[in-house]
Structure formats: C-alpha cells, structure tokens
C-alpha cells in the first residue's frame, strides 16, 4: 500500500489546516500565525509542494 509522507509531520498537518481555512496565505503571515521559524516552515512547504498538496507562488 502506498503511503504519502506528506502528512507524516504534525507541523505539515497544521499547515494544511491553516491553508484550508485561509485558501491562500503570505509566507510571513504563516510564520507569525503558526509560530514556527521561517526555515522550518519553508522546508515543510517544499515537502508539501513536492507531494502535490500545495502550490508555492512567488509575488
């Protein structure tokens, strides 16, 4: 059975819940609202994007 590693982290689950509620968000707002470091958030976002769960757009 295939198991996605995208949700193997409680931080990633929290990010997905946040994004489901907001629909879209700015990076620094997420850092502040989720109370995690920019580097930690970025690594989780990249993993979620690699799994196809989110899209990162640069503005």
Protein backbone atom coordinates (compact mmCIF):
# COMPACT_ATOMS: atom_id res chain seq x y z
CA UNK A 1 0.00 0.00 0.00
CA UNK A 2 1.31 3.45 -0.95
CA UNK A 3 1.55 5.87 1.93
CA UNK A 4 2.22 9.56 1.42
CA UNK A 5 4.91 11.01 3.62
CA UNK A 6 3.42 14.48 3.19
CA UNK A 7 1.39 14.14 6.38
CA UNK A 8 3.95 12.31 8.47
CA UNK A 9 4.53 15.51 10.45
CA UNK A 10 2.13 17.27 12.80
CA UNK A 11 3.56 20.59 11.57
CA UNK A 12 2.52 19.73 7.99
CA UNK A 13 -0.94 18.80 9.16
CA UNK A 14 -1.17 22.16 10.94
CA UNK A 15 -0.03 23.95 7.79
CA UNK A 16 -2.67 22.19 5.72
CA UNK A 17 -5.43 23.01 8.23
CA UNK A 18 -4.28 26.65 8.18
CA UNK A 19 -4.29 26.76 4.38
CA UNK A 20 -7.65 25.05 4.11
CA UNK A 21 -9.14 27.74 6.33
CA UNK A 22 -7.38 30.65 4.60
CA UNK A 23 -7.29 29.33 0.99
CA UNK A 24 -4.05 31.30 0.43
CA UNK A 25 -1.51 32.98 2.67
CA UNK A 26 1.65 35.04 2.66
CA UNK A 27 4.77 33.37 3.98
CA UNK A 28 5.50 35.79 6.83
CA UNK A 29 1.87 35.68 7.97
CA UNK A 30 2.20 31.91 8.22
CA UNK A 31 5.44 32.22 10.19
CA UNK A 32 3.72 34.51 12.67
CA UNK A 33 0.39 32.71 12.87
CA UNK A 34 1.87 29.21 13.12
CA UNK A 35 4.70 30.32 15.44
CA UNK A 36 7.46 28.46 13.61
CA UNK A 37 10.77 29.61 12.17
CA UNK A 38 10.98 30.66 8.51
CA UNK A 39 13.42 27.85 7.74
CA UNK A 40 11.22 25.23 9.34
CA UNK A 41 8.11 26.49 7.56
CA UNK A 42 9.91 26.63 4.22
CA UNK A 43 11.17 23.05 4.47
CA UNK A 44 7.66 21.80 5.21
CA UNK A 45 6.13 23.86 2.39
CA UNK A 46 8.64 22.48 -0.10
CA UNK A 47 7.81 18.93 1.01
CA UNK A 48 4.07 19.57 0.64
CA UNK A 49 4.61 21.08 -2.79
CA UNK A 50 6.71 18.10 -3.84
CA UNK A 51 3.86 15.80 -2.80
CA UNK A 52 1.44 17.89 -4.88
CA UNK A 53 -0.66 19.19 -1.97
CA UNK A 54 0.12 22.90 -2.38
CA UNK A 55 1.43 25.36 -4.92
CA UNK A 56 4.00 27.98 -3.96
CA UNK A 57 3.72 31.25 -5.86
CA UNK A 58 6.31 33.99 -5.67
CA UNK A 59 4.98 37.57 -5.59
